[in-house]
């Protein structure tokens, strides 16, 4: 299939997935994945773009999501949360997701408030860009892989991935519509040539086919936006640092306690969230005798996964 035909087919598959899900809004980061879905969606269906970011962080998500919303003529709903709100949300996320992975929790905070805003806005189903990075090589480490390694990695992910948006949405009674996870879209993406995912164009860029589609649809500033993890784009990256600073000397006590528990953090940022996790659950569940445990926290490993669901350590591919 020629490249132009592939873009047309992917657009059709995504639009069909959107029509089947009939979302009333979109969690809009202003990044490639969610922006492309918003652009493809019928105008009479999608009326609101929801963006959440950490107050005072000058988050790039707020800038780009506003551009997309204004150009599409949909109402942009921006919610900026403060540190106290983030702390309360983090505690609930730890309880809901049963994790002390600081990356998962920081990302979850932004999604948590986005879903809460959906409920307040009366939105019962919201569209997200889940799966775009995984299918189209959106992470920097994926663009460094060779053709065979990248294909094998993506194929392994499609049977084992998990996204917290579903559980966080359910917390607020909001259904999550994930067009990139539609089986036809996944099957199509799995067969893409390497160069349609990764392209060296004044620097190596992943998600090339999605970027090209956005450019063709009149959004070049979004198409060539640098990839930012959600915690950077939303400004939430500073949250765990600020929370740990609030602990003061207690951080060292938590680190010592974790060591006695047989838990070693792959980032000191986990200390605050481990304290919450242990207060709620009492500790990390250990595997039965003879079963493999996470090399960092010792928890029972999910045979279907490559990341520990408790501490977030990637024991398959390092992130």
Protein backbone atom coordinates (compact mmCIF):
# COMPACT_ATOMS: atom_id res chain seq x y z
CA UNK A 1 0.00 0.00 0.00
CA UNK A 2 1.43 3.43 -0.90
CA UNK A 3 2.07 5.93 1.91
CA UNK A 4 -0.78 8.27 0.90
CA UNK A 5 -3.19 5.33 0.80
CA UNK A 6 -2.01 4.21 4.24
CA UNK A 7 -2.76 7.63 5.72
CA UNK A 8 -6.22 7.63 4.18
CA UNK A 9 -6.94 4.17 5.50
CA UNK A 10 -5.71 5.00 9.01
CA UNK A 11 -7.86 8.11 9.06
CA UNK A 12 -10.88 6.06 8.01
CA UNK A 13 -10.24 3.39 10.64
CA UNK A 14 -9.84 5.98 13.39
CA UNK A 15 -12.98 7.83 12.33
CA UNK A 16 -14.98 4.59 12.30
CA UNK A 17 -13.71 3.79 15.81
CA UNK A 18 -14.71 7.27 16.97
CA UNK A 19 -18.18 6.91 15.45
CA UNK A 20 -18.66 3.57 17.20
CA UNK A 21 -17.64 5.05 20.55
CA UNK A 22 -19.51 8.36 20.11
CA UNK A 23 -17.47 10.36 22.67
CA UNK A 24 -18.94 13.61 23.95
CA UNK A 25 -15.54 15.16 24.65
CA UNK A 26 -11.81 14.57 24.41
CA UNK A 27 -9.04 14.66 27.01
CA UNK A 28 -7.00 17.14 25.03
CA UNK A 29 -3.30 17.49 25.78
CA UNK A 30 -2.56 19.35 22.58
CA UNK A 31 -0.18 16.52 21.69
CA UNK A 32 -0.22 14.50 18.49
CA UNK A 33 -2.44 11.60 19.58
CA UNK A 34 -5.39 13.41 21.16
CA UNK A 35 -5.22 16.33 18.71
CA UNK A 36 -5.42 14.06 15.66
CA UNK A 37 -8.48 12.31 17.10
CA UNK A 38 -10.13 15.66 17.80
CA UNK A 39 -9.45 16.82 14.24
CA UNK A 40 -10.82 13.60 12.70
CA UNK A 41 -13.96 13.46 14.88
CA UNK A 42 -17.22 14.84 13.38
CA UNK A 43 -17.81 18.41 14.52
CA UNK A 44 -21.39 17.73 15.57
CA UNK A 45 -20.23 14.96 17.90
CA UNK A 46 -17.27 16.43 19.73
CA UNK A 47 -18.10 19.66 21.55
CA UNK A 48 -15.58 19.96 24.39
CA UNK A 49 -11.86 19.54 24.90
CA UNK A 50 -10.79 18.91 28.50
CA UNK A 51 -7.31 19.86 29.68
CA UNK A 52 -5.88 19.61 33.20
CA UNK A 53 -2.51 20.99 34.29
CA UNK A 54 -0.56 21.90 37.41
CA UNK A 55 -1.22 25.52 38.41
CA UNK A 56 1.62 27.95 37.77
CA UNK A 57 3.71 25.50 35.76
CA UNK A 58 3.44 27.17 32.33
CA UNK A 59 2.49 23.75 30.99
CA UNK A 60 2.76 23.43 27.21
CA UNK A 61 -0.43 21.35 27.12
CA UNK A 62 -2.51 24.42 27.92
CA UNK A 63 -1.02 26.35 25.00
CA UNK A 64 -1.41 23.69 22.34
CA UNK A 65 -4.77 22.38 23.49
CA UNK A 66 -6.13 25.93 23.27
CA UNK A 67 -4.86 26.21 19.68
CA UNK A 68 -6.60 22.98 18.69
CA UNK A 69 -9.87 23.86 20.44
CA UNK A 70 -10.11 27.34 18.96
CA UNK A 71 -9.34 26.18 15.43
CA UNK A 72 -11.89 23.35 15.65
CA UNK A 73 -14.53 25.53 17.27
CA UNK A 74 -14.99 23.31 20.32
CA UNK A 75 -15.23 24.63 23.87
CA UNK A 76 -11.96 24.34 25.76
CA UNK A 77 -12.36 23.51 29.44
CA UNK A 78 -9.11 24.06 31.36
CA UNK A 79 -8.69 23.00 34.99
CA UNK A 80 -5.56 23.98 36.92
CA UNK A 81 -4.98 22.06 40.15
CA UNK A 82 -2.71 23.04 43.04
CA UNK A 83 -0.35 20.99 45.19
CA UNK A 84 -2.90 20.32 47.93
CA UNK A 85 -5.39 18.99 45.37
CA UNK A 86 -2.64 16.92 43.73
CA UNK A 87 -1.74 15.38 47.09
CA UNK A 88 -5.34 14.34 47.77
CA UNK A 89 -5.72 12.98 44.24
CA UNK A 90 -2.44 11.04 44.57
CA UNK A 91 -3.73 9.28 47.67
CA UNK A 92 -6.87 8.18 45.87
CA UNK A 93 -4.89 7.09 42.82
CA UNK A 94 -2.59 4.96 44.97
CA UNK A 95 -5.68 3.30 46.42
CA UNK A 96 -7.40 2.81 43.05
CA UNK A 97 -4.36 1.59 41.10
CA UNK A 98 -2.54 -0.18 43.96
CA UNK A 99 0.79 1.31 42.97
CA UNK A 100 3.59 3.56 44.21
CA UNK A 101 5.03 4.09 40.74
CA UNK A 102 5.65 7.85 40.77
CA UNK A 103 5.41 8.12 36.96
CA UNK A 104 2.04 6.33 36.88
CA UNK A 105 0.74 8.45 39.76
CA UNK A 106 1.93 11.77 38.34
CA UNK A 107 0.38 10.93 34.99
CA UNK A 108 -2.74 9.72 36.78
CA UNK A 109 -3.19 13.01 38.64
CA UNK A 110 -3.71 14.91 35.39
CA UNK A 111 -6.07 12.23 34.06
CA UNK A 112 -7.90 12.13 37.41
CA UNK A 113 -8.75 15.83 37.24
CA UNK A 114 -9.63 15.57 33.56
CA UNK A 115 -12.15 12.83 34.36
CA UNK A 116 -13.52 14.80 37.30
CA UNK A 117 -14.09 17.79 35.04
CA UNK A 118 -15.90 15.51 32.59
CA UNK A 119 -18.33 14.49 35.33
CA UNK A 120 -18.85 18.12 36.32
CA UNK A 121 -19.48 19.03 32.68
CA UNK A 122 -22.01 16.22 32.28
CA UNK A 123 -19.77 14.30 29.86
CA UNK A 124 -20.46 10.57 30.16
CA UNK A 125 -17.93 9.37 27.56
CA UNK A 126 -14.58 10.92 26.73
CA UNK A 127 -12.02 10.12 24.06
CA UNK A 128 -8.32 9.65 24.88
CA UNK A 129 -5.14 9.14 22.89
CA UNK A 130 -4.16 5.94 24.73
CA UNK A 131 -2.06 3.63 22.57
CA UNK A 132 -0.76 6.22 20.12
CA UNK A 133 2.74 6.26 21.60
CA UNK A 134 2.90 2.49 21.90
CA UNK A 135 1.71 1.72 18.36
CA UNK A 136 3.55 4.45 16.45
CA UNK A 137 6.86 4.76 18.35
CA UNK A 138 6.09 7.85 20.38
CA UNK A 139 8.73 7.29 23.07
CA UNK A 140 12.36 8.29 22.59
CA UNK A 141 13.69 4.85 23.47
CA UNK A 142 11.53 3.34 20.72
CA UNK A 143 13.06 5.59 18.06
CA UNK A 144 16.49 4.23 19.01
CA UNK A 145 15.44 0.64 18.25
CA UNK A 146 16.20 -1.04 14.97
CA UNK A 147 13.44 -2.18 12.63
CA UNK A 148 13.15 -5.77 13.88
CA UNK A 149 13.47 -4.84 17.56
CA UNK A 150 10.83 -2.11 17.29
CA UNK A 151 8.39 -4.39 15.48
CA UNK A 152 8.87 -7.15 18.06
CA UNK A 153 8.46 -4.69 20.92
CA UNK A 154 5.22 -3.20 19.55
CA UNK A 155 3.81 -6.65 18.87
CA UNK A 156 4.59 -7.70 22.43
CA UNK A 157 2.92 -4.61 23.86
CA UNK A 158 -0.38 -5.06 22.05
CA UNK A 159 -1.21 -8.17 24.02
CA UNK A 160 -0.09 -6.87 27.40
CA UNK A 161 -0.74 -3.15 27.69
CA UNK A 162 -2.87 -1.58 30.38
CA UNK A 163 -4.05 2.01 30.74
CA UNK A 164 -5.15 3.64 33.98
CA UNK A 165 -7.59 5.96 32.20
CA UNK A 166 -10.26 3.26 32.27
CA UNK A 167 -10.14 2.87 36.05
CA UNK A 168 -9.84 6.60 36.69
CA UNK A 169 -12.74 7.28 34.34
CA UNK A 170 -14.86 4.64 36.08
CA UNK A 171 -14.17 6.42 39.38
CA UNK A 172 -16.22 9.35 38.05
CA UNK A 173 -18.71 7.36 35.99
CA UNK A 174 -17.09 8.38 32.70
CA UNK A 175 -16.64 5.83 29.90
CA UNK A 176 -13.26 5.95 28.12
CA UNK A 177 -13.23 5.80 24.32
CA UNK A 178 -9.80 4.74 22.99
CA UNK A 179 -9.78 4.74 19.17
CA UNK A 180 -6.11 3.76 18.86
CA UNK A 181 -6.90 0.55 20.76
CA UNK A 182 -9.61 -0.46 18.29
CA UNK A 183 -8.66 -3.94 16.99
CA UNK A 184 -8.67 -2.83 13.35
CA UNK A 185 -6.45 0.15 14.13
CA UNK A 186 -4.06 -2.03 16.13
CA UNK A 187 -3.86 -4.63 13.36
CA UNK A 188 -3.19 -1.94 10.77
CA UNK A 189 -0.51 -0.26 12.90
CA UNK A 190 1.30 -3.54 13.55
CA UNK A 191 1.96 -3.92 9.84
CA UNK A 192 3.42 -0.47 9.19
CA UNK A 193 6.92 -0.18 7.72
CA UNK A 194 9.61 1.18 10.04
CA UNK A 195 10.01 4.44 8.11
CA UNK A 196 6.33 5.29 8.51
CA UNK A 197 6.79 5.29 12.28
CA UNK A 198 10.32 6.66 12.67
CA UNK A 199 11.78 9.30 10.37
CA UNK A 200 14.97 11.34 10.51
CA UNK A 201 13.81 14.82 9.62
CA UNK A 202 16.09 17.43 11.23
CA UNK A 203 16.30 14.99 14.12
CA UNK A 204 14.74 11.60 14.73
CA UNK A 205 10.97 11.74 15.12
CA UNK A 206 8.57 8.98 16.11
CA UNK A 207 4.89 8.78 15.12
CA UNK A 208 5.77 10.02 11.67
CA UNK A 209 2.54 8.88 9.99
CA UNK A 210 0.43 10.64 12.64
CA UNK A 211 2.50 13.81 12.36
CA UNK A 212 2.13 13.72 8.58
CA UNK A 213 -1.64 13.36 8.89
CA UNK A 214 -1.88 16.34 11.26
CA UNK A 215 0.25 18.44 8.94
CA UNK A 216 -1.99 17.56 5.99
CA UNK A 217 -5.05 18.51 8.06
CA UNK A 218 -3.69 21.98 8.78
CA UNK A 219 -2.04 21.63 12.18
CA UNK A 220 1.73 21.81 11.48
CA UNK A 221 2.56 23.33 14.88
CA UNK A 222 1.02 20.30 16.56
CA UNK A 223 2.46 17.86 14.02
CA UNK A 224 6.02 18.88 14.83
CA UNK A 225 5.57 19.39 18.55
CA UNK A 226 8.34 17.60 20.43
CA UNK A 227 7.22 14.54 22.36
CA UNK A 228 6.67 15.38 26.03
CA UNK A 229 5.67 12.86 28.69
CA UNK A 230 2.32 13.78 30.19
CA UNK A 231 4.01 14.86 33.43
CA UNK A 232 6.06 17.44 31.51
CA UNK A 233 3.34 18.65 29.17
CA UNK A 234 0.88 19.06 32.05
CA UNK A 235 3.46 20.46 34.45
CA UNK A 236 2.96 17.67 36.98
CA UNK A 237 6.62 16.58 36.87
CA UNK A 238 7.44 18.77 39.87
CA UNK A 239 4.76 17.29 42.11
CA UNK A 240 6.67 14.34 43.58
CA UNK A 241 9.70 16.56 44.18
CA UNK A 242 7.59 19.11 46.06
CA UNK A 243 5.85 16.42 48.08
CA UNK A 244 9.15 14.81 49.03
CA UNK A 245 10.53 18.22 50.03
CA UNK A 246 7.53 18.64 52.33
CA UNK A 247 8.54 15.40 54.09
CA UNK A 248 11.92 16.85 55.02
CA UNK A 249 14.06 14.42 57.01
CA UNK A 250 11.26 11.85 57.01
CA UNK A 251 12.32 10.89 53.48
CA UNK A 252 15.42 9.16 54.86
CA UNK A 253 13.29 7.27 57.37
CA UNK A 254 11.02 6.05 54.57
CA UNK A 255 14.02 4.95 52.53
CA UNK A 256 15.39 3.01 55.49
CA UNK A 257 11.98 1.45 56.18
CA UNK A 258 11.63 0.41 52.54
CA UNK A 259 15.05 -1.21 52.65
CA UNK A 260 13.99 -3.23 55.71
CA UNK A 261 10.86 -4.24 53.75
CA UNK A 262 13.04 -5.54 50.94
CA UNK A 263 11.99 -2.70 48.63
CA UNK A 264 14.52 -0.65 46.68
CA UNK A 265 13.25 2.37 44.78
CA UNK A 266 14.31 2.87 41.18
CA UNK A 267 13.78 6.58 41.86
CA UNK A 268 13.82 8.45 45.16
CA UNK A 269 10.67 10.21 43.97
CA UNK A 270 8.80 7.06 44.98
CA UNK A 271 9.35 7.65 48.70
CA UNK A 272 6.26 9.80 49.31
CA UNK A 273 3.98 7.47 47.39
CA UNK A 274 5.42 4.36 49.03
CA UNK A 275 4.50 5.83 52.40
CA UNK A 276 0.90 6.27 51.20
CA UNK A 277 0.89 2.78 49.67
CA UNK A 278 2.10 1.17 52.86
CA UNK A 279 -0.39 3.11 55.00
CA UNK A 280 -3.23 1.81 52.81
CA UNK A 281 -2.12 -1.73 51.95
CA UNK A 282 0.40 -2.57 54.66
CA UNK A 283 3.15 -3.49 52.21
CA UNK A 284 3.97 -5.13 48.91
CA UNK A 285 2.43 -8.60 48.41
CA UNK A 286 5.13 -11.22 47.97
CA UNK A 287 5.03 -14.03 45.39
CA UNK A 288 4.52 -17.65 46.46
CA UNK A 289 7.68 -19.63 47.08
CA UNK A 290 9.52 -20.25 43.85
CA UNK A 291 7.62 -17.66 41.82
CA UNK A 292 9.62 -14.75 40.31
CA UNK A 293 9.45 -11.39 42.02
CA UNK A 294 10.13 -7.84 40.83
CA UNK A 295 13.90 -7.18 41.04
CA UNK A 296 13.19 -3.84 42.75
CA UNK A 297 10.23 -4.26 45.10
CA UNK A 298 9.90 -8.06 45.25
CA UNK A 299 6.22 -8.12 44.24
CA UNK A 300 4.75 -10.98 42.22
CA UNK A 301 5.30 -10.31 38.53
CA UNK A 302 2.44 -10.35 36.05
CA UNK A 303 3.42 -12.91 33.43
CA UNK A 304 1.60 -10.83 30.79
CA UNK A 305 3.40 -7.58 31.61
CA UNK A 306 6.85 -6.07 31.30
CA UNK A 307 6.42 -3.45 34.01
CA UNK A 308 5.85 -4.12 37.70
CA UNK A 309 2.33 -2.92 38.53
CA UNK A 310 3.40 -1.98 42.07
CA UNK A 311 6.62 0.00 41.68
CA UNK A 312 6.65 0.56 37.91
CA UNK A 313 10.10 -0.92 37.30
CA UNK A 314 10.42 -2.06 33.69
CA UNK A 315 12.00 -5.49 33.72
CA UNK A 316 11.45 -6.12 30.01
CA UNK A 317 12.58 -2.95 28.25
CA UNK A 318 13.97 -0.09 30.32
CA UNK A 319 12.08 3.16 29.92
